[in-house]
């Protein structure tokens, strides 16, 4: 990324005001002396095609994409841009690179960012684990497919949206033939969860005050790994419930950091200052909570 004019970057989502991504990326731009800025753009449902075309014309350097637009960004870039191998596999885009020739590249750093965070927090991987994924949306799909390709022993998918659940199960069977996969209602997941080694919470439940834990105390056990993609609040009702019975837990801050670091490298071609980005996230989260 060359110096010169101020190059804008942004996160597209709806809602998007809760995100800490600007703190992380602006700290990285500053420490590396890059003339760039990162902001939040609230894009209503259906607005992704128009927004991507508009930002391309404004010569943005790159974008992140979050709920509920990851699959919409994938569909647009499948027809109007280019996709990385990972994005094609996951049918989900969370990072957009604006290339010098004017083309847009859709990528997905959620998957490797999740693996980085899992390794950092627990020194482990999905290999050989019985996994429960709560949520079959863009993030749930990405992480379920990642676990399948990383050698999970089995995957159970729970989502109230039956169609989304079926689509994900089909994708899992296509990506990893022979892997035991199944769908479940939330009621069944509450019973089956205890036998799982890794539980991934990929729904918005827990973001708002008063949200319940999706799983009761009896769904957890000591030594089990519970990973909630939500990072604000840092301890969701699900994580608090799991911690109370001795499960090992992590929130989504590590994944936010590592997917962001990988996106930063794609945009700039520079090694991301991970320590600086982590410190900025922790500081921003503390400020938000106070």
C-alpha atoms as a PDB file:
ATOM      1  CA  UNK A   1       0.000   0.000   0.000  1.00  0.00           C
ATOM      2  CA  UNK A   2       1.557   3.260  -1.161  1.00  0.00           C
ATOM      3  CA  UNK A   3       1.653   6.497   0.795  1.00  0.00           C
ATOM      4  CA  UNK A   4      -0.161   9.563  -0.525  1.00  0.00           C
ATOM      5  CA  UNK A   5      -3.868  10.286  -0.219  1.00  0.00           C
ATOM      6  CA  UNK A   6      -5.775   9.074   2.818  1.00  0.00           C
ATOM      7  CA  UNK A   7      -7.049   5.597   1.969  1.00  0.00           C
ATOM      8  CA  UNK A   8     -10.370   4.642   3.592  1.00  0.00           C
ATOM      9  CA  UNK A   9     -11.254   1.186   4.916  1.00  0.00           C
ATOM     10  CA  UNK A  10     -14.475   0.148   6.612  1.00  0.00           C
ATOM     11  CA  UNK A  11     -16.622  -2.529   8.187  1.00  0.00           C
ATOM     12  CA  UNK A  12     -20.018  -3.150   6.585  1.00  0.00           C
ATOM     13  CA  UNK A  13     -22.746  -4.523   8.844  1.00  0.00           C
ATOM     14  CA  UNK A  14     -26.238  -3.985  10.259  1.00  0.00           C
ATOM     15  CA  UNK A  15     -26.093  -3.124  13.080  1.00  0.00           C
ATOM     16  CA  UNK A  16     -22.433  -2.191  13.216  1.00  0.00           C
ATOM     17  CA  UNK A  17     -21.995   0.367  15.998  1.00  0.00           C
ATOM     18  CA  UNK A  18     -20.892  -2.219  18.562  1.00  0.00           C
ATOM     19  CA  UNK A  19     -17.773  -3.221  16.606  1.00  0.00           C
ATOM     20  CA  UNK A  20     -14.253  -2.655  17.973  1.00  0.00           C
ATOM     21  CA  UNK A  21     -12.596  -3.145  14.579  1.00  0.00           C
ATOM     22  CA  UNK A  22     -11.812   0.572  14.052  1.00  0.00           C
ATOM     23  CA  UNK A  23      -9.690   0.652  17.201  1.00  0.00           C
ATOM     24  CA  UNK A  24      -7.669  -2.348  16.063  1.00  0.00           C
ATOM     25  CA  UNK A  25      -7.057  -1.272  12.476  1.00  0.00           C
ATOM     26  CA  UNK A  26      -6.499   2.426  13.131  1.00  0.00           C
ATOM     27  CA  UNK A  27      -3.886   1.538  15.750  1.00  0.00           C
ATOM     28  CA  UNK A  28      -2.164  -0.690  13.187  1.00  0.00           C
ATOM     29  CA  UNK A  29      -2.223   2.014  10.508  1.00  0.00           C
ATOM     30  CA  UNK A  30      -0.782   4.528  12.960  1.00  0.00           C
ATOM     31  CA  UNK A  31       2.088   2.415  14.262  1.00  0.00           C
ATOM     32  CA  UNK A  32       3.161   1.532  10.714  1.00  0.00           C
ATOM     33  CA  UNK A  33       2.845   5.123   9.511  1.00  0.00           C
ATOM     34  CA  UNK A  34       0.219   4.321   6.878  1.00  0.00           C
ATOM     35  CA  UNK A  35      -2.028   7.128   5.636  1.00  0.00           C
ATOM     36  CA  UNK A  36      -5.275   5.235   6.111  1.00  0.00           C
ATOM     37  CA  UNK A  37      -8.375   5.254   8.285  1.00  0.00           C
ATOM     38  CA  UNK A  38     -10.992   2.651   9.206  1.00  0.00           C
ATOM     39  CA  UNK A  39     -14.641   3.418   9.936  1.00  0.00           C
ATOM     40  CA  UNK A  40     -18.019   1.738  10.383  1.00  0.00           C
ATOM     41  CA  UNK A  41     -20.706   1.767   7.693  1.00  0.00           C
ATOM     42  CA  UNK A  42     -24.222   0.596   8.524  1.00  0.00           C
ATOM     43  CA  UNK A  43     -25.634  -1.034   5.399  1.00  0.00           C
ATOM     44  CA  UNK A  44     -29.296  -2.118   5.439  1.00  0.00           C
ATOM     45  CA  UNK A  45     -30.256  -5.559   4.135  1.00  0.00           C
ATOM     46  CA  UNK A  46     -30.140  -5.644   0.352  1.00  0.00           C
ATOM     47  CA  UNK A  47     -27.653  -2.796   0.157  1.00  0.00           C
ATOM     48  CA  UNK A  48     -24.425  -4.704  -0.423  1.00  0.00           C
ATOM     49  CA  UNK A  49     -24.243  -4.555  -4.262  1.00  0.00           C
ATOM     50  CA  UNK A  50     -24.878  -0.814  -4.380  1.00  0.00           C
ATOM     51  CA  UNK A  51     -22.491  -0.151  -1.488  1.00  0.00           C
ATOM     52  CA  UNK A  52     -19.613  -2.154  -2.957  1.00  0.00           C
ATOM     53  CA  UNK A  53     -19.929  -0.371  -6.289  1.00  0.00           C
ATOM     54  CA  UNK A  54     -20.052   3.010  -4.549  1.00  0.00           C
ATOM     55  CA  UNK A  55     -16.989   2.316  -2.393  1.00  0.00           C
ATOM     56  CA  UNK A  56     -15.044   1.011  -5.375  1.00  0.00           C
ATOM     57  CA  UNK A  57     -15.715   4.318  -7.131  1.00  0.00           C
ATOM     58  CA  UNK A  58     -14.513   6.134  -3.991  1.00  0.00           C
ATOM     59  CA  UNK A  59     -11.272   4.112  -4.129  1.00  0.00           C
ATOM     60  CA  UNK A  60     -11.496   2.366  -0.803  1.00  0.00           C
ATOM     61  CA  UNK A  61      -8.537   0.189   0.102  1.00  0.00           C
ATOM     62  CA  UNK A  62     -10.511  -2.673   1.594  1.00  0.00           C
ATOM     63  CA  UNK A  63     -13.475  -3.754   3.659  1.00  0.00           C
ATOM     64  CA  UNK A  64     -14.552  -6.138   6.347  1.00  0.00           C
ATOM     65  CA  UNK A  65     -18.066  -7.579   6.189  1.00  0.00           C
ATOM     66  CA  UNK A  66     -20.081  -8.762   9.160  1.00  0.00           C
ATOM     67  CA  UNK A  67     -23.627  -9.849  10.081  1.00  0.00           C
ATOM     68  CA  UNK A  68     -25.868 -10.056   8.089  1.00  0.00           C
ATOM     69  CA  UNK A  69     -23.963  -9.424   4.854  1.00  0.00           C
ATOM     70  CA  UNK A  70     -21.308 -12.138   4.481  1.00  0.00           C
ATOM     71  CA  UNK A  71     -23.350 -14.333   2.175  1.00  0.00           C
ATOM     72  CA  UNK A  72     -24.666 -11.344   0.202  1.00  0.00           C
ATOM     73  CA  UNK A  73     -21.079 -10.171  -0.361  1.00  0.00           C
ATOM     74  CA  UNK A  74     -20.197 -13.668  -1.533  1.00  0.00           C
ATOM     75  CA  UNK A  75     -23.051 -13.708  -4.045  1.00  0.00           C
ATOM     76  CA  UNK A  76     -22.164 -10.279  -5.432  1.00  0.00           C
ATOM     77  CA  UNK A  77     -18.467 -11.041  -5.796  1.00  0.00           C
ATOM     78  CA  UNK A  78     -19.148 -14.457  -7.314  1.00  0.00           C
ATOM     79  CA  UNK A  79     -20.742 -12.630 -10.245  1.00  0.00           C
ATOM     80  CA  UNK A  80     -19.106  -9.196 -10.224  1.00  0.00           C
ATOM     81  CA  UNK A  81     -15.639  -9.826  -8.794  1.00  0.00           C
ATOM     82  CA  UNK A  82     -13.289 -12.611  -7.788  1.00  0.00           C
ATOM     83  CA  UNK A  83     -13.211 -15.003  -4.840  1.00  0.00           C
ATOM     84  CA  UNK A  84     -10.440 -16.742  -2.951  1.00  0.00           C
ATOM     85  CA  UNK A  85     -10.533 -20.517  -2.679  1.00  0.00           C
ATOM     86  CA  UNK A  86     -11.592 -20.237   0.967  1.00  0.00           C
ATOM     87  CA  UNK A  87     -14.456 -17.847   0.186  1.00  0.00           C
ATOM     88  CA  UNK A  88     -15.656 -20.136  -2.602  1.00  0.00           C
ATOM     89  CA  UNK A  89     -15.664 -23.108  -0.256  1.00  0.00           C
ATOM     90  CA  UNK A  90     -17.431 -21.293   2.573  1.00  0.00           C
ATOM     91  CA  UNK A  91     -19.862 -19.271   0.411  1.00  0.00           C
ATOM     92  CA  UNK A  92     -19.053 -16.405   2.784  1.00  0.00           C
ATOM     93  CA  UNK A  93     -16.981 -13.229   2.441  1.00  0.00           C
ATOM     94  CA  UNK A  94     -15.743 -11.239   5.431  1.00  0.00           C
ATOM     95  CA  UNK A  95     -12.870  -9.411   3.711  1.00  0.00           C
ATOM     96  CA  UNK A  96     -12.891  -7.458   0.467  1.00  0.00           C
ATOM     97  CA  UNK A  97      -9.678  -6.317  -1.221  1.00  0.00           C
ATOM     98  CA  UNK A  98      -9.858  -3.446  -3.732  1.00  0.00           C
ATOM     99  CA  UNK A  99      -7.185  -4.262  -6.298  1.00  0.00           C
ATOM    100  CA  UNK A 100      -5.254  -1.626  -8.272  1.00  0.00           C
ATOM    101  CA  UNK A 101      -6.862  -2.817 -11.526  1.00  0.00           C
ATOM    102  CA  UNK A 102     -10.317  -2.027 -10.134  1.00  0.00           C
ATOM    103  CA  UNK A 103     -11.393  -5.610  -9.476  1.00  0.00           C
ATOM    104  CA  UNK A 104     -12.737  -6.697  -6.103  1.00  0.00           C
ATOM    105  CA  UNK A 105     -11.471  -9.829  -4.369  1.00  0.00           C
ATOM    106  CA  UNK A 106     -13.642 -11.504  -1.764  1.00  0.00           C
ATOM    107  CA  UNK A 107     -11.835 -13.552   0.870  1.00  0.00           C
ATOM    108  CA  UNK A 108     -12.663 -15.098   4.226  1.00  0.00           C
ATOM    109  CA  UNK A 109     -10.312 -14.701   7.166  1.00  0.00           C
ATOM    110  CA  UNK A 110     -12.868 -15.950   9.697  1.00  0.00           C
ATOM    111  CA  UNK A 111     -11.784 -19.555   9.175  1.00  0.00           C
ATOM    112  CA  UNK A 112      -8.021 -19.160   9.680  1.00  0.00           C
ATOM    113  CA  UNK A 113      -8.644 -16.500  12.337  1.00  0.00           C
ATOM    114  CA  UNK A 114     -10.757 -18.978  14.292  1.00  0.00           C
ATOM    115  CA  UNK A 115      -8.010 -21.613  14.082  1.00  0.00           C
ATOM    116  CA  UNK A 116      -5.433 -19.050  15.238  1.00  0.00           C
ATOM    117  CA  UNK A 117      -7.640 -18.110  18.211  1.00  0.00           C
ATOM    118  CA  UNK A 118      -8.356 -21.739  19.134  1.00  0.00           C
ATOM    119  CA  UNK A 119      -4.660 -22.544  19.064  1.00  0.00           C
ATOM    120  CA  UNK A 120      -3.796 -19.457  21.108  1.00  0.00           C
ATOM    121  CA  UNK A 121      -6.484 -19.945  23.775  1.00  0.00           C
ATOM    122  CA  UNK A 122      -6.427 -23.730  24.153  1.00  0.00           C
ATOM    123  CA  UNK A 123      -3.358 -24.984  22.262  1.00  0.00           C
ATOM    124  CA  UNK A 124      -5.592 -27.241  20.241  1.00  0.00           C
ATOM    125  CA  UNK A 125      -7.386 -27.663  16.909  1.00  0.00           C
ATOM    126  CA  UNK A 126     -10.687 -29.213  15.789  1.00  0.00           C
ATOM    127  CA  UNK A 127      -8.942 -32.480  14.861  1.00  0.00           C
ATOM    128  CA  UNK A 128     -10.512 -35.533  16.469  1.00  0.00           C
ATOM    129  CA  UNK A 129     -13.169 -33.543  18.310  1.00  0.00           C
ATOM    130  CA  UNK A 130     -16.930 -34.024  18.544  1.00  0.00           C
ATOM    131  CA  UNK A 131     -18.234 -30.553  17.757  1.00  0.00           C
ATOM    132  CA  UNK A 132     -21.520 -28.746  18.306  1.00  0.00           C
ATOM    133  CA  UNK A 133     -22.081 -25.591  16.240  1.00  0.00           C
ATOM    134  CA  UNK A 134     -24.879 -23.303  17.408  1.00  0.00           C
ATOM    135  CA  UNK A 135     -25.929 -21.225  14.426  1.00  0.00           C
ATOM    136  CA  UNK A 136     -25.896 -22.032  10.696  1.00  0.00           C
ATOM    137  CA  UNK A 137     -25.514 -18.478   9.366  1.00  0.00           C
ATOM    138  CA  UNK A 138     -22.410 -17.063   7.695  1.00  0.00           C
ATOM    139  CA  UNK A 139     -20.099 -17.410  10.694  1.00  0.00           C
ATOM    140  CA  UNK A 140     -21.475 -20.781  11.784  1.00  0.00           C
ATOM    141  CA  UNK A 141     -21.156 -22.135   8.260  1.00  0.00           C
ATOM    142  CA  UNK A 142     -17.557 -20.923   7.965  1.00  0.00           C
ATOM    143  CA  UNK A 143     -16.475 -22.475  11.248  1.00  0.00           C
ATOM    144  CA  UNK A 144     -18.372 -25.743  10.763  1.00  0.00           C
ATOM    145  CA  UNK A 145     -16.774 -26.263   7.346  1.00  0.00           C
ATOM    146  CA  UNK A 146     -13.382 -25.310   8.755  1.00  0.00           C
ATOM    147  CA  UNK A 147     -13.742 -27.900  11.511  1.00  0.00           C
ATOM    148  CA  UNK A 148     -14.808 -30.529   8.979  1.00  0.00           C
ATOM    149  CA  UNK A 149     -11.743 -29.905   6.834  1.00  0.00           C
ATOM    150  CA  UNK A 150      -9.488 -29.843   9.903  1.00  0.00           C
ATOM    151  CA  UNK A 151     -10.368 -33.414  10.840  1.00  0.00           C
ATOM    152  CA  UNK A 152     -13.252 -33.158  13.307  1.00  0.00           C
ATOM    153  CA  UNK A 153     -14.597 -36.514  14.487  1.00  0.00           C
ATOM    154  CA  UNK A 154     -18.230 -35.421  14.104  1.00  0.00           C
ATOM    155  CA  UNK A 155     -20.278 -32.225  13.767  1.00  0.00           C
ATOM    156  CA  UNK A 156     -23.751 -31.452  15.104  1.00  0.00           C
ATOM    157  CA  UNK A 157     -25.426 -28.291  13.800  1.00  0.00           C
ATOM    158  CA  UNK A 158     -28.259 -26.592  15.705  1.00  0.00           C
ATOM    159  CA  UNK A 159     -30.275 -23.669  14.340  1.00  0.00           C
ATOM    160  CA  UNK A 160     -33.896 -22.590  14.572  1.00  0.00           C
ATOM    161  CA  UNK A 161     -33.756 -21.852  10.826  1.00  0.00           C
ATOM    162  CA  UNK A 162     -34.374 -25.294   9.366  1.00  0.00           C
ATOM    163  CA  UNK A 163     -33.492 -24.252   5.802  1.00  0.00           C
ATOM    164  CA  UNK A 164     -30.132 -22.781   6.854  1.00  0.00           C
ATOM    165  CA  UNK A 165     -29.399 -25.895   8.867  1.00  0.00           C
ATOM    166  CA  UNK A 166     -30.133 -28.153   5.898  1.00  0.00           C
ATOM    167  CA  UNK A 167     -27.966 -26.061   3.575  1.00  0.00           C
ATOM    168  CA  UNK A 168     -25.054 -26.300   5.966  1.00  0.00           C
ATOM    169  CA  UNK A 169     -25.444 -30.049   6.408  1.00  0.00           C
ATOM    170  CA  UNK A 170     -25.405 -30.480   2.621  1.00  0.00           C
ATOM    171  CA  UNK A 171     -22.261 -28.345   2.361  1.00  0.00           C
ATOM    172  CA  UNK A 172     -20.575 -30.374   5.112  1.00  0.00           C
ATOM    173  CA  UNK A 173     -21.370 -33.675   3.393  1.00  0.00           C
ATOM    174  CA  UNK A 174     -20.014 -32.349   0.111  1.00  0.00           C
ATOM    175  CA  UNK A 175     -16.849 -30.923   1.682  1.00  0.00           C
ATOM    176  CA  UNK A 176     -16.062 -33.920   3.898  1.00  0.00           C
ATOM    177  CA  UNK A 177     -17.706 -37.104   2.606  1.00  0.00           C
ATOM    178  CA  UNK A 178     -17.882 -39.736   5.312  1.00  0.00           C
ATOM    179  CA  UNK A 179     -17.755 -37.283   8.199  1.00  0.00           C
ATOM    180  CA  UNK A 180     -20.637 -37.943  10.618  1.00  0.00           C
ATOM    181  CA  UNK A 181     -22.786 -34.793  10.541  1.00  0.00           C
ATOM    182  CA  UNK A 182     -26.313 -34.195  11.813  1.00  0.00           C
ATOM    183  CA  UNK A 183     -28.785 -31.391  12.415  1.00  0.00           C
ATOM    184  CA  UNK A 184     -30.572 -30.791  15.667  1.00  0.00           C
ATOM    185  CA  UNK A 185     -33.201 -28.623  17.231  1.00  0.00           C
ATOM    186  CA  UNK A 186     -32.075 -26.466  20.127  1.00  0.00           C
ATOM    187  CA  UNK A 187     -33.918 -28.802  22.479  1.00  0.00           C
ATOM    188  CA  UNK A 188     -31.915 -31.774  21.200  1.00  0.00           C
ATOM    189  CA  UNK A 189     -28.686 -29.761  21.265  1.00  0.00           C
ATOM    190  CA  UNK A 190     -29.201 -29.120  24.966  1.00  0.00           C
ATOM    191  CA  UNK A 191     -29.128 -32.876  25.530  1.00  0.00           C
ATOM    192  CA  UNK A 192     -26.337 -33.726  23.084  1.00  0.00           C
ATOM    193  CA  UNK A 193     -23.997 -30.878  24.048  1.00  0.00           C
ATOM    194  CA  UNK A 194     -22.495 -32.608  27.061  1.00  0.00           C
ATOM    195  CA  UNK A 195     -21.015 -35.343  24.883  1.00  0.00           C
ATOM    196  CA  UNK A 196     -19.289 -32.817  22.624  1.00  0.00           C
ATOM    197  CA  UNK A 197     -15.651 -31.799  23.072  1.00  0.00           C
ATOM    198  CA  UNK A 198     -15.986 -28.353  21.474  1.00  0.00           C
ATOM    199  CA  UNK A 199     -19.053 -26.094  21.438  1.00  0.00           C
ATOM    200  CA  UNK A 200     -19.036 -23.120  19.065  1.00  0.00           C
ATOM    201  CA  UNK A 201     -21.638 -20.406  19.685  1.00  0.00           C
ATOM    202  CA  UNK A 202     -22.178 -18.538  16.393  1.00  0.00           C
ATOM    203  CA  UNK A 203     -25.542 -16.822  16.930  1.00  0.00           C
ATOM    204  CA  UNK A 204     -26.259 -13.230  18.087  1.00  0.00           C
ATOM    205  CA  UNK A 205     -27.821 -14.523  21.312  1.00  0.00           C
ATOM    206  CA  UNK A 206     -25.825 -13.011  24.152  1.00  0.00           C
ATOM    207  CA  UNK A 207     -25.159  -9.641  22.549  1.00  0.00           C
ATOM    208  CA  UNK A 208     -27.974  -7.874  24.372  1.00  0.00           C
ATOM    209  CA  UNK A 209     -28.732  -7.440  28.083  1.00  0.00           C
ATOM    210  CA  UNK A 210     -31.271  -9.998  29.212  1.00  0.00           C
ATOM    211  CA  UNK A 211     -30.361 -12.576  26.575  1.00  0.00           C
ATOM    212  CA  UNK A 212     -30.470 -16.111  27.995  1.00  0.00           C
ATOM    213  CA  UNK A 213     -27.842 -18.824  27.752  1.00  0.00           C
ATOM    214  CA  UNK A 214     -28.708 -21.027  24.798  1.00  0.00           C
ATOM    215  CA  UNK A 215     -27.619 -24.063  26.813  1.00  0.00           C
ATOM    216  CA  UNK A 216     -28.369 -24.991  30.461  1.00  0.00           C
ATOM    217  CA  UNK A 217     -25.703 -25.948  33.055  1.00  0.00           C
ATOM    218  CA  UNK A 218     -26.250 -29.674  32.456  1.00  0.00           C
ATOM    219  CA  UNK A 219     -25.132 -29.223  28.822  1.00  0.00           C
ATOM    220  CA  UNK A 220     -21.560 -28.558  29.955  1.00  0.00           C
ATOM    221  CA  UNK A 221     -18.855 -30.544  31.706  1.00  0.00           C
ATOM    222  CA  UNK A 222     -15.413 -29.986  33.146  1.00  0.00           C
ATOM    223  CA  UNK A 223     -12.653 -29.790  30.563  1.00  0.00           C
ATOM    224  CA  UNK A 224     -15.001 -29.145  27.667  1.00  0.00           C
ATOM    225  CA  UNK A 225     -14.067 -26.260  25.326  1.00  0.00           C
ATOM    226  CA  UNK A 226     -16.700 -23.567  24.725  1.00  0.00           C
ATOM    227  CA  UNK A 227     -15.988 -20.849  22.159  1.00  0.00           C
ATOM    228  CA  UNK A 228     -18.444 -17.942  21.851  1.00  0.00           C
ATOM    229  CA  UNK A 229     -17.904 -15.642  18.880  1.00  0.00           C
ATOM    230  CA  UNK A 230     -19.379 -12.706  20.829  1.00  0.00           C
ATOM    231  CA  UNK A 231     -16.744 -10.539  22.537  1.00  0.00           C
ATOM    232  CA  UNK A 232     -18.874  -7.724  23.951  1.00  0.00           C
ATOM    233  CA  UNK A 233     -19.917  -8.541  26.612  1.00  0.00           C
ATOM    234  CA  UNK A 234     -16.699 -10.499  27.266  1.00  0.00           C
ATOM    235  CA  UNK A 235     -18.575 -13.085  29.338  1.00  0.00           C
ATOM    236  CA  UNK A 236     -21.889 -13.985  27.743  1.00  0.00           C
ATOM    237  CA  UNK A 237     -24.585 -15.905  29.631  1.00  0.00           C
ATOM    238  CA  UNK A 238     -23.469 -19.023  27.749  1.00  0.00           C
ATOM    239  CA  UNK A 239     -19.848 -18.619  28.834  1.00  0.00           C
ATOM    240  CA  UNK A 240     -20.819 -17.834  32.426  1.00  0.00           C
ATOM    241  CA  UNK A 241     -22.940 -20.977  32.554  1.00  0.00           C
ATOM    242  CA  UNK A 242     -20.137 -23.084  31.081  1.00  0.00           C
ATOM    243  CA  UNK A 243     -17.494 -21.626  33.405  1.00  0.00           C
ATOM    244  CA  UNK A 244     -19.610 -22.416  36.465  1.00  0.00           C
ATOM    245  CA  UNK A 245     -19.326 -26.139  35.770  1.00  0.00           C
ATOM    246  CA  UNK A 246     -15.617 -26.097  34.891  1.00  0.00           C
ATOM    247  CA  UNK A 247     -15.632 -25.865  31.105  1.00  0.00           C
ATOM    248  CA  UNK A 248     -12.739 -24.049  29.398  1.00  0.00           C
ATOM    249  CA  UNK A 249     -14.018 -20.944  27.657  1.00  0.00           C
ATOM    250  CA  UNK A 250     -13.009 -18.184  25.275  1.00  0.00           C
ATOM    251  CA  UNK A 251     -14.912 -15.286  23.762  1.00  0.00           C
ATOM    252  CA  UNK A 252     -14.597 -13.960  20.240  1.00  0.00           C
ATOM    253  CA  UNK A 253     -11.957 -11.302  20.896  1.00  0.00           C
ATOM    254  CA  UNK A 254      -9.131 -13.607  19.829  1.00  0.00           C
ATOM    255  CA  UNK A 255     -10.895 -14.497  16.618  1.00  0.00           C
ATOM    256  CA  UNK A 256     -11.662 -10.810  15.965  1.00  0.00           C
ATOM    257  CA  UNK A 257      -7.970 -10.045  16.417  1.00  0.00           C
ATOM    258  CA  UNK A 258      -6.619 -12.805  14.207  1.00  0.00           C
ATOM    259  CA  UNK A 259      -9.143 -12.486  11.384  1.00  0.00           C
ATOM    260  CA  UNK A 260      -8.460  -8.749  11.437  1.00  0.00           C
ATOM    261  CA  UNK A 261      -4.703  -9.278  11.340  1.00  0.00           C
ATOM    262  CA  UNK A 262      -5.060 -11.542   8.318  1.00  0.00           C
ATOM    263  CA  UNK A 263      -7.318  -9.009   6.584  1.00  0.00           C
ATOM    264  CA  UNK A 264      -4.777  -6.266   7.310  1.00  0.00           C
ATOM    265  CA  UNK A 265      -2.055  -8.284   5.573  1.00  0.00           C
ATOM    266  CA  UNK A 266      -4.300  -8.845   2.541  1.00  0.00           C
ATOM    267  CA  UNK A 267      -5.054  -5.126   2.233  1.00  0.00           C
ATOM    268  CA  UNK A 268      -1.591  -3.699   2.849  1.00  0.00           C
ATOM    269  CA  UNK A 269       0.892  -6.448   2.076  1.00  0.00           C
ATOM    270  CA  UNK A 270       2.506  -5.644   5.414  1.00  0.00           C
ATOM    271  CA  UNK A 271       3.014  -7.925   8.449  1.00  0.00           C
ATOM    272  CA  UNK A 272       0.246  -6.988  10.897  1.00  0.00           C
ATOM    273  CA  UNK A 273       1.370  -5.519  14.262  1.00  0.00           C
ATOM    274  CA  UNK A 274      -0.605  -8.104  16.236  1.00  0.00           C
ATOM    275  CA  UNK A 275       0.510  -6.962  19.701  1.00  0.00           C
ATOM    276  CA  UNK A 276      -0.526  -3.376  18.947  1.00  0.00           C
ATOM    277  CA  UNK A 277      -3.863  -4.517  17.539  1.00  0.00           C
ATOM    278  CA  UNK A 278      -4.545  -6.689  20.587  1.00  0.00           C
ATOM    279  CA  UNK A 279      -3.755  -3.859  23.012  1.00  0.00           C
ATOM    280  CA  UNK A 280      -6.048  -1.511  21.093  1.00  0.00           C
ATOM    281  CA  UNK A 281      -8.904  -4.027  21.245  1.00  0.00           C
ATOM    282  CA  UNK A 282      -8.504  -4.604  24.982  1.00  0.00           C
ATOM    283  CA  UNK A 283      -8.410  -0.852  25.655  1.00  0.00           C
ATOM    284  CA  UNK A 284     -11.453  -0.192  23.477  1.00  0.00           C
ATOM    285  CA  UNK A 285     -13.420  -2.967  25.143  1.00  0.00           C
ATOM    286  CA  UNK A 286     -12.632  -1.608  28.595  1.00  0.00           C
ATOM    287  CA  UNK A 287     -13.691   1.864  27.491  1.00  0.00           C
ATOM    288  CA  UNK A 288     -16.915   0.513  26.011  1.00  0.00           C
ATOM    289  CA  UNK A 289     -17.780  -1.361  29.183  1.00  0.00           C
ATOM    290  CA  UNK A 290     -17.160   1.672  31.413  1.00  0.00           C
END
